[in-house]
Amino acid sequence: MQPYKVLVTIEALQMKSPPRAERERILSFLESLANHPGLSGDYTERDDAGRSVQIKIVGDFALTFWADHAVKEVKVTKIETADRN
């Protein structure tokens, strides 16, 4: 199986810069999405378009993503500090 492309939005890249160890964990998770695009997050929500999106907690950050199987891409729409409530 050919790996999917992982695309990250500009908004996701405008997050608070994580410490190096956190950044490496985030990059590792993003790389894993290329080979496992159907990976489930820790939570599922609906975005503004009504699409089901996955939310994965990686260290102190929450990553929101969804797989577009038609074009073999995983779209990462948010990377933000995780809510620890």
PDB file of N, CA and C in Angstrom:
ATOM      1  N   MET A   1       0.839  -1.195   0.000  1.00  0.00           N
ATOM      2  CA  MET A   1       0.000   0.000   0.000  1.00  0.00           C
ATOM      3  C   MET A   1       0.878   1.251   0.000  1.00  0.00           C
ATOM      4  N   GLN A   2       0.592   2.144  -0.901  1.00  0.00           N
ATOM      5  CA  GLN A   2       1.336   3.394  -0.983  1.00  0.00           C
ATOM      6  C   GLN A   2       0.924   4.299   0.184  1.00  0.00           C
ATOM      7  N   PRO A   3       1.891   4.924   0.849  1.00  0.00           N
ATOM      8  CA  PRO A   3       1.528   5.804   1.971  1.00  0.00           C
ATOM      9  C   PRO A   3       0.693   6.994   1.516  1.00  0.00           C
ATOM     10  N   TYR A   4      -0.157   7.448   2.408  1.00  0.00           N
ATOM     11  CA  TYR A   4      -0.946   8.654   2.162  1.00  0.00           C
ATOM     12  C   TYR A   4      -0.053   9.875   2.381  1.00  0.00           C
ATOM     13  N   LYS A   5      -0.424  10.994   1.788  1.00  0.00           N
ATOM     14  CA  LYS A   5       0.212  12.265   2.106  1.00  0.00           C
ATOM     15  C   LYS A   5      -0.445  12.779   3.382  1.00  0.00           C
ATOM     16  N   VAL A   6       0.331  13.416   4.221  1.00  0.00           N
ATOM     17  CA  VAL A   6      -0.210  14.054   5.419  1.00  0.00           C
ATOM     18  C   VAL A   6      -0.072  15.551   5.207  1.00  0.00           C
ATOM     19  N   LEU A   7      -1.208  16.242   5.166  1.00  0.00           N
ATOM     20  CA  LEU A   7      -1.237  17.685   4.938  1.00  0.00           C
ATOM     21  C   LEU A   7      -1.620  18.393   6.224  1.00  0.00           C
ATOM     22  N   VAL A   8      -0.892  19.459   6.527  1.00  0.00           N
ATOM     23  CA  VAL A   8      -1.134  20.224   7.748  1.00  0.00           C
ATOM     24  C   VAL A   8      -1.522  21.642   7.342  1.00  0.00           C
ATOM     25  N   THR A   9      -2.625  22.145   7.881  1.00  0.00           N
ATOM     26  CA  THR A   9      -3.086  23.492   7.541  1.00  0.00           C
ATOM     27  C   THR A   9      -2.180  24.554   8.162  1.00  0.00           C
ATOM     28  N   ILE A  10      -2.207  25.729   7.575  1.00  0.00           N
ATOM     29  CA  ILE A  10      -1.443  26.856   8.114  1.00  0.00           C
ATOM     30  C   ILE A  10      -1.872  27.138   9.549  1.00  0.00           C
ATOM     31  N   GLU A  11      -3.179  27.071   9.807  1.00  0.00           N
ATOM     32  CA  GLU A  11      -3.688  27.330  11.154  1.00  0.00           C
ATOM     33  C   GLU A  11      -3.089  26.357  12.165  1.00  0.00           C
ATOM     34  N   ALA A  12      -2.936  25.103  11.760  1.00  0.00           N
ATOM     35  CA  ALA A  12      -2.358  24.110  12.662  1.00  0.00           C
ATOM     36  C   ALA A  12      -0.900  24.430  12.945  1.00  0.00           C
ATOM     37  N   LEU A  13      -0.200  24.973  11.975  1.00  0.00           N
ATOM     38  CA  LEU A  13       1.213  25.295  12.156  1.00  0.00           C
ATOM     39  C   LEU A  13       1.429  26.562  12.986  1.00  0.00           C
ATOM     40  N   GLN A  14       0.376  27.322  13.211  1.00  0.00           N
ATOM     41  CA  GLN A  14       0.491  28.549  13.990  1.00  0.00           C
ATOM     42  C   GLN A  14       0.350  28.295  15.493  1.00  0.00           C
ATOM     43  N   MET A  15       0.433  27.036  15.887  1.00  0.00           N
ATOM     44  CA  MET A  15       0.299  26.686  17.300  1.00  0.00           C
ATOM     45  C   MET A  15       1.496  27.207  18.095  1.00  0.00           C
ATOM     46  N   LYS A  16       1.322  27.236  19.397  1.00  0.00           N
ATOM     47  CA  LYS A  16       2.422  27.552  20.297  1.00  0.00           C
ATOM     48  C   LYS A  16       3.514  26.514  20.061  1.00  0.00           C
ATOM     49  N   SER A  17       4.732  26.947  19.933  1.00  0.00           N
ATOM     50  CA  SER A  17       5.836  26.031  19.634  1.00  0.00           C
ATOM     51  C   SER A  17       6.089  25.084  20.815  1.00  0.00           C
ATOM     52  N   PRO A  18       5.979  23.784  20.573  1.00  0.00           N
ATOM     53  CA  PRO A  18       6.198  22.826  21.662  1.00  0.00           C
ATOM     54  C   PRO A  18       7.681  22.613  21.928  1.00  0.00           C
ATOM     55  N   PRO A  19       8.022  22.129  23.112  1.00  0.00           N
ATOM     56  CA  PRO A  19       9.412  21.751  23.385  1.00  0.00           C
ATOM     57  C   PRO A  19       9.854  20.668  22.401  1.00  0.00           C
ATOM     58  N   ARG A  20      11.153  20.519  22.225  1.00  0.00           N
ATOM     59  CA  ARG A  20      11.699  19.601  21.223  1.00  0.00           C
ATOM     60  C   ARG A  20      11.157  18.173  21.353  1.00  0.00           C
ATOM     61  N   ALA A  21      11.107  17.640  22.571  1.00  0.00           N
ATOM     62  CA  ALA A  21      10.627  16.264  22.764  1.00  0.00           C
ATOM     63  C   ALA A  21       9.171  16.135  22.321  1.00  0.00           C
ATOM     64  N   GLU A  22       8.350  17.129  22.639  1.00  0.00           N
ATOM     65  CA  GLU A  22       6.944  17.122  22.234  1.00  0.00           C
ATOM     66  C   GLU A  22       6.842  17.210  20.710  1.00  0.00           C
ATOM     67  N   ARG A  23       7.646  18.086  20.112  1.00  0.00           N
ATOM     68  CA  ARG A  23       7.625  18.252  18.661  1.00  0.00           C
ATOM     69  C   ARG A  23       7.968  16.934  17.965  1.00  0.00           C
ATOM     70  N   GLU A  24       8.951  16.209  18.496  1.00  0.00           N
ATOM     71  CA  GLU A  24       9.330  14.922  17.921  1.00  0.00           C
ATOM     72  C   GLU A  24       8.203  13.902  18.054  1.00  0.00           C
ATOM     73  N   ARG A  25       7.489  13.908  19.173  1.00  0.00           N
ATOM     74  CA  ARG A  25       6.340  13.005  19.345  1.00  0.00           C
ATOM     75  C   ARG A  25       5.234  13.334  18.352  1.00  0.00           C
ATOM     76  N   ILE A  26       4.984  14.632  18.157  1.00  0.00           N
ATOM     77  CA  ILE A  26       3.966  15.053  17.198  1.00  0.00           C
ATOM     78  C   ILE A  26       4.366  14.627  15.788  1.00  0.00           C
ATOM     79  N   LEU A  27       5.624  14.874  15.405  1.00  0.00           N
ATOM     80  CA  LEU A  27       6.088  14.477  14.070  1.00  0.00           C
ATOM     81  C   LEU A  27       6.012  12.971  13.868  1.00  0.00           C
ATOM     82  N   SER A  28       6.355  12.225  14.888  1.00  0.00           N
ATOM     83  CA  SER A  28       6.277  10.770  14.803  1.00  0.00           C
ATOM     84  C   SER A  28       4.837  10.318  14.571  1.00  0.00           C
ATOM     85  N   PHE A  29       3.900  10.927  15.286  1.00  0.00           N
ATOM     86  CA  PHE A  29       2.494  10.581  15.090  1.00  0.00           C
ATOM     87  C   PHE A  29       2.034  10.951  13.679  1.00  0.00           C
ATOM     88  N   LEU A  30       2.412  12.132  13.206  1.00  0.00           N
ATOM     89  CA  LEU A  30       2.037  12.551  11.859  1.00  0.00           C
ATOM     90  C   LEU A  30       2.593  11.593  10.814  1.00  0.00           C
ATOM     91  N   GLU A  31       3.825  11.144  10.998  1.00  0.00           N
ATOM     92  CA  GLU A  31       4.418  10.178  10.076  1.00  0.00           C
ATOM     93  C   GLU A  31       3.661   8.852  10.103  1.00  0.00           C
ATOM     94  N   SER A  32       3.188   8.452  11.275  1.00  0.00           N
ATOM     95  CA  SER A  32       2.442   7.196  11.373  1.00  0.00           C
ATOM     96  C   SER A  32       1.111   7.267  10.621  1.00  0.00           C
ATOM     97  N   LEU A  33       0.537   8.469  10.519  1.00  0.00           N
ATOM     98  CA  LEU A  33      -0.725   8.628   9.785  1.00  0.00           C
ATOM     99  C   LEU A  33      -0.561   8.311   8.301  1.00  0.00           C
ATOM    100  N   ALA A  34       0.624   8.527   7.747  1.00  0.00           N
ATOM    101  CA  ALA A  34       0.858   8.246   6.329  1.00  0.00           C
ATOM    102  C   ALA A  34       0.664   6.765   6.026  1.00  0.00           C
ATOM    103  N   ASN A  35       1.101   5.910   6.927  1.00  0.00           N
ATOM    104  CA  ASN A  35       0.992   4.463   6.730  1.00  0.00           C
ATOM    105  C   ASN A  35      -0.264   3.860   7.342  1.00  0.00           C
ATOM    106  N   HIS A  36      -0.909   4.605   8.234  1.00  0.00           N
ATOM    107  CA  HIS A  36      -2.111   4.110   8.915  1.00  0.00           C
ATOM    108  C   HIS A  36      -3.175   5.214   8.911  1.00  0.00           C
ATOM    109  N   PRO A  37      -3.686   5.575   7.725  1.00  0.00           N
ATOM    110  CA  PRO A  37      -4.618   6.705   7.633  1.00  0.00           C
ATOM    111  C   PRO A  37      -5.950   6.478   8.336  1.00  0.00           C
ATOM    112  N   GLY A  38      -6.296   5.251   8.610  1.00  0.00           N
ATOM    113  CA  GLY A  38      -7.549   4.962   9.295  1.00  0.00           C
ATOM    114  C   GLY A  38      -7.411   4.935  10.809  1.00  0.00           C
ATOM    115  N   LEU A  39      -6.274   5.379  11.292  1.00  0.00           N
ATOM    116  CA  LEU A  39      -6.005   5.380  12.730  1.00  0.00           C
ATOM    117  C   LEU A  39      -7.073   6.173  13.472  1.00  0.00           C
ATOM    118  N   SER A  40      -7.574   5.597  14.543  1.00  0.00           N
ATOM    119  CA  SER A  40      -8.574   6.293  15.356  1.00  0.00           C
ATOM    120  C   SER A  40      -7.889   7.196  16.359  1.00  0.00           C
ATOM    121  N   GLY A  41      -8.534   8.296  16.658  1.00  0.00           N
ATOM    122  CA  GLY A  41      -8.039   9.186  17.696  1.00  0.00           C
ATOM    123  C   GLY A  41      -8.572   8.756  19.051  1.00  0.00           C
ATOM    124  N   ASP A  42      -8.354   9.590  20.026  1.00  0.00           N
ATOM    125  CA  ASP A  42      -8.883   9.347  21.363  1.00  0.00           C
ATOM    126  C   ASP A  42     -10.352   9.790  21.452  1.00  0.00           C
ATOM    127  N   TYR A  43     -10.724  10.704  20.565  1.00  0.00           N
ATOM    128  CA  TYR A  43     -12.088  11.231  20.519  1.00  0.00           C
ATOM    129  C   TYR A  43     -12.495  11.408  19.064  1.00  0.00           C
ATOM    130  N   THR A  44     -13.796  11.412  18.830  1.00  0.00           N
ATOM    131  CA  THR A  44     -14.346  11.720  17.515  1.00  0.00           C
ATOM    132  C   THR A  44     -15.335  12.854  17.685  1.00  0.00           C
ATOM    133  N   GLU A  45     -15.252  13.835  16.789  1.00  0.00           N
ATOM    134  CA  GLU A  45     -16.188  14.963  16.788  1.00  0.00           C
ATOM    135  C   GLU A  45     -16.623  15.219  15.351  1.00  0.00           C
ATOM    136  N   ARG A  46     -17.536  16.159  15.188  1.00  0.00           N
ATOM    137  CA  ARG A  46     -17.962  16.614  13.856  1.00  0.00           C
ATOM    138  C   ARG A  46     -17.384  18.010  13.638  1.00  0.00           C
ATOM    139  N   ASP A  47     -16.829  18.245  12.450  1.00  0.00           N
ATOM    140  CA  ASP A  47     -16.323  19.580  12.148  1.00  0.00           C
ATOM    141  C   ASP A  47     -17.448  20.454  11.602  1.00  0.00           C
ATOM    142  N   ASP A  48     -17.110  21.663  11.180  1.00  0.00           N
ATOM    143  CA  ASP A  48     -18.119  22.609  10.686  1.00  0.00           C
ATOM    144  C   ASP A  48     -18.845  22.099   9.442  1.00  0.00           C
ATOM    145  N   ALA A  49     -18.196  21.216   8.686  1.00  0.00           N
ATOM    146  CA  ALA A  49     -18.816  20.654   7.483  1.00  0.00           C
ATOM    147  C   ALA A  49     -19.640  19.407   7.787  1.00  0.00           C
ATOM    148  N   GLY A  50     -19.682  19.008   9.071  1.00  0.00           N
ATOM    149  CA  GLY A  50     -20.421  17.816   9.468  1.00  0.00           C
ATOM    150  C   GLY A  50     -19.633  16.529   9.303  1.00  0.00           C
ATOM    151  N   ARG A  51     -18.374  16.659   8.959  1.00  0.00           N
ATOM    152  CA  ARG A  51     -17.493  15.512   8.743  1.00  0.00           C
ATOM    153  C   ARG A  51     -16.992  14.976  10.089  1.00  0.00           C
ATOM    154  N   SER A  52     -16.861  13.689  10.190  1.00  0.00           N
ATOM    155  CA  SER A  52     -16.308  13.060  11.386  1.00  0.00           C
ATOM    156  C   SER A  52     -14.795  13.248  11.387  1.00  0.00           C
ATOM    157  N   VAL A  53     -14.272  13.846  12.456  1.00  0.00           N
ATOM    158  CA  VAL A  53     -12.828  14.062  12.585  1.00  0.00           C
ATOM    159  C   VAL A  53     -12.332  13.379  13.847  1.00  0.00           C
ATOM    160  N   GLN A  54     -11.089  12.970  13.806  1.00  0.00           N
ATOM    161  CA  GLN A  54     -10.450  12.310  14.936  1.00  0.00           C
ATOM    162  C   GLN A  54      -9.623  13.324  15.711  1.00  0.00           C
ATOM    163  N   ILE A  55      -9.592  13.166  17.022  1.00  0.00           N
ATOM    164  CA  ILE A  55      -8.759  14.006  17.875  1.00  0.00           C
ATOM    165  C   ILE A  55      -7.863  13.080  18.671  1.00  0.00           C
ATOM    166  N   LYS A  56      -6.569  13.256  18.500  1.00  0.00           N
ATOM    167  CA  LYS A  56      -5.580  12.417  19.172  1.00  0.00           C
ATOM    168  C   LYS A  56      -4.760  13.278  20.111  1.00  0.00           C
ATOM    169  N   ILE A  57      -4.632  12.832  21.357  1.00  0.00           N
ATOM    170  CA  ILE A  57      -3.805  13.529  22.329  1.00  0.00           C
ATOM    171  C   ILE A  57      -2.386  12.979  22.206  1.00  0.00           C
ATOM    172  N   VAL A  58      -1.456  13.877  21.934  1.00  0.00           N
ATOM    173  CA  VAL A  58      -0.041  13.518  21.823  1.00  0.00           C
ATOM    174  C   VAL A  58       0.706  14.424  22.803  1.00  0.00           C
ATOM    175  N   GLY A  59       1.100  13.855  23.927  1.00  0.00           N
ATOM    176  CA  GLY A  59       1.736  14.669  24.970  1.00  0.00           C
ATOM    177  C   GLY A  59       0.764  15.711  25.478  1.00  0.00           C
ATOM    178  N   ASP A  60       1.156  16.972  25.379  1.00  0.00           N
ATOM    179  CA  ASP A  60       0.321  18.077  25.849  1.00  0.00           C
ATOM    180  C   ASP A  60      -0.502  18.709  24.733  1.00  0.00           C
ATOM    181  N   PHE A  61      -0.559  18.049  23.578  1.00  0.00           N
ATOM    182  CA  PHE A  61      -1.228  18.631  22.420  1.00  0.00           C
ATOM    183  C   PHE A  61      -2.348  17.742  21.897  1.00  0.00           C
ATOM    184  N   ALA A  62      -3.369  18.381  21.331  1.00  0.00           N
ATOM    185  CA  ALA A  62      -4.488  17.681  20.695  1.00  0.00           C
ATOM    186  C   ALA A  62      -4.386  17.940  19.195  1.00  0.00           C
ATOM    187  N   LEU A  63      -4.371  16.864  18.413  1.00  0.00           N
ATOM    188  CA  LEU A  63      -4.287  16.959  16.959  1.00  0.00           C
ATOM    189  C   LEU A  63      -5.620  16.523  16.369  1.00  0.00           C
ATOM    190  N   THR A  64      -6.200  17.354  15.523  1.00  0.00           N
ATOM    191  CA  THR A  64      -7.459  17.041  14.861  1.00  0.00           C
ATOM    192  C   THR A  64      -7.157  16.704  13.410  1.00  0.00           C
ATOM    193  N   PHE A  65      -7.686  15.554  12.939  1.00  0.00           N
ATOM    194  CA  PHE A  65      -7.380  15.114  11.578  1.00  0.00           C
ATOM    195  C   PHE A  65      -8.509  14.262  11.027  1.00  0.00           C
ATOM    196  N   TRP A  66      -8.483  14.108   9.714  1.00  0.00           N
ATOM    197  CA  TRP A  66      -9.423  13.209   9.037  1.00  0.00           C
ATOM    198  C   TRP A  66      -8.754  12.682   7.775  1.00  0.00           C
ATOM    199  N   ALA A  67      -9.131  11.475   7.393  1.00  0.00           N
ATOM    200  CA  ALA A  67      -8.565  10.837   6.206  1.00  0.00           C
ATOM    201  C   ALA A  67      -9.481  11.052   5.016  1.00  0.00           C
ATOM    202  N   ASP A  68      -8.902  11.537   3.927  1.00  0.00           N
ATOM    203  CA  ASP A  68      -9.613  11.696   2.662  1.00  0.00           C
ATOM    204  C   ASP A  68      -9.136  10.556   1.764  1.00  0.00           C
ATOM    205  N   HIS A  69      -9.836   9.432   1.851  1.00  0.00           N
ATOM    206  CA  HIS A  69      -9.408   8.223   1.152  1.00  0.00           C
ATOM    207  C   HIS A  69      -9.477   8.359  -0.362  1.00  0.00           C
ATOM    208  N   ALA A  70     -10.351   9.223  -0.866  1.00  0.00           N
ATOM    209  CA  ALA A  70     -10.490   9.397  -2.308  1.00  0.00           C
ATOM    210  C   ALA A  70      -9.200   9.904  -2.952  1.00  0.00           C
ATOM    211  N   VAL A  71      -8.453  10.718  -2.214  1.00  0.00           N
ATOM    212  CA  VAL A  71      -7.204  11.279  -2.759  1.00  0.00           C
ATOM    213  C   VAL A  71      -5.968  10.812  -1.997  1.00  0.00           C
ATOM    214  N   LYS A  72      -6.163   9.850  -1.082  1.00  0.00           N
ATOM    215  CA  LYS A  72      -5.075   9.282  -0.282  1.00  0.00           C
ATOM    216  C   LYS A  72      -4.291  10.356   0.474  1.00  0.00           C
ATOM    217  N   GLU A  73      -5.049  11.151   1.255  1.00  0.00           N
ATOM    218  CA  GLU A  73      -4.459  12.203   2.079  1.00  0.00           C
ATOM    219  C   GLU A  73      -5.080  12.182   3.466  1.00  0.00           C
ATOM    220  N   VAL A  74      -4.276  12.535   4.452  1.00  0.00           N
ATOM    221  CA  VAL A  74      -4.778  12.775   5.805  1.00  0.00           C
ATOM    222  C   VAL A  74      -4.626  14.266   6.040  1.00  0.00           C
ATOM    223  N   LYS A  75      -5.725  14.917   6.396  1.00  0.00           N
ATOM    224  CA  LYS A  75      -5.724  16.363   6.609  1.00  0.00           C
ATOM    225  C   LYS A  75      -5.680  16.649   8.109  1.00  0.00           C
ATOM    226  N   VAL A  76      -4.654  17.354   8.535  1.00  0.00           N
ATOM    227  CA  VAL A  76      -4.516  17.764   9.932  1.00  0.00           C
ATOM    228  C   VAL A  76      -4.976  19.213   9.988  1.00  0.00           C
ATOM    229  N   THR A  77      -6.081  19.436  10.680  1.00  0.00           N
ATOM    230  CA  THR A  77      -6.697  20.759  10.667  1.00  0.00           C
ATOM    231  C   THR A  77      -6.403  21.592  11.905  1.00  0.00           C
ATOM    232  N   LYS A  78      -6.010  20.935  12.989  1.00  0.00           N
ATOM    233  CA  LYS A  78      -5.690  21.673  14.221  1.00  0.00           C
ATOM    234  C   LYS A  78      -4.610  20.936  14.998  1.00  0.00           C
ATOM    235  N   ILE A  79      -3.708  21.722  15.559  1.00  0.00           N
ATOM    236  CA  ILE A  79      -2.773  21.235  16.571  1.00  0.00           C
ATOM    237  C   ILE A  79      -2.816  22.296  17.649  1.00  0.00           C
ATOM    238  N   GLU A  80      -3.305  21.919  18.811  1.00  0.00           N
ATOM    239  CA  GLU A  80      -3.482  22.906  19.877  1.00  0.00           C
ATOM    240  C   GLU A  80      -3.174  22.280  21.226  1.00  0.00           C
ATOM    241  N   THR A  81      -2.964  23.130  22.209  1.00  0.00           N
ATOM    242  CA  THR A  81      -2.724  22.633  23.558  1.00  0.00           C
ATOM    243  C   THR A  81      -3.947  21.858  24.013  1.00  0.00           C
ATOM    244  N   ALA A  82      -3.713  20.659  24.529  1.00  0.00           N
ATOM    245  CA  ALA A  82      -4.818  19.792  24.968  1.00  0.00           C
ATOM    246  C   ALA A  82      -5.471  20.371  26.212  1.00  0.00           C
ATOM    247  N   ASP A  83      -6.775  20.239  26.253  1.00  0.00           N
ATOM    248  CA  ASP A  83      -7.553  20.662  27.418  1.00  0.00           C
ATOM    249  C   ASP A  83      -7.454  19.534  28.438  1.00  0.00           C
ATOM    250  N   ARG A  84      -6.915  19.800  29.572  1.00  0.00           N
ATOM    251  CA  ARG A  84      -6.683  18.767  30.592  1.00  0.00           C
ATOM    252  C   ARG A  84      -7.721  18.786  31.703  1.00  0.00           C
ATOM    253  N   ASN A  85      -8.990  19.103  31.365  1.00  0.00           N
ATOM    254  CA  ASN A  85     -10.060  19.122  32.384  1.00  0.00           C
ATOM    255  C   ASN A  85     -10.540  17.736  32.700  1.00  0.00           C
TER     256      ASN A  85
END
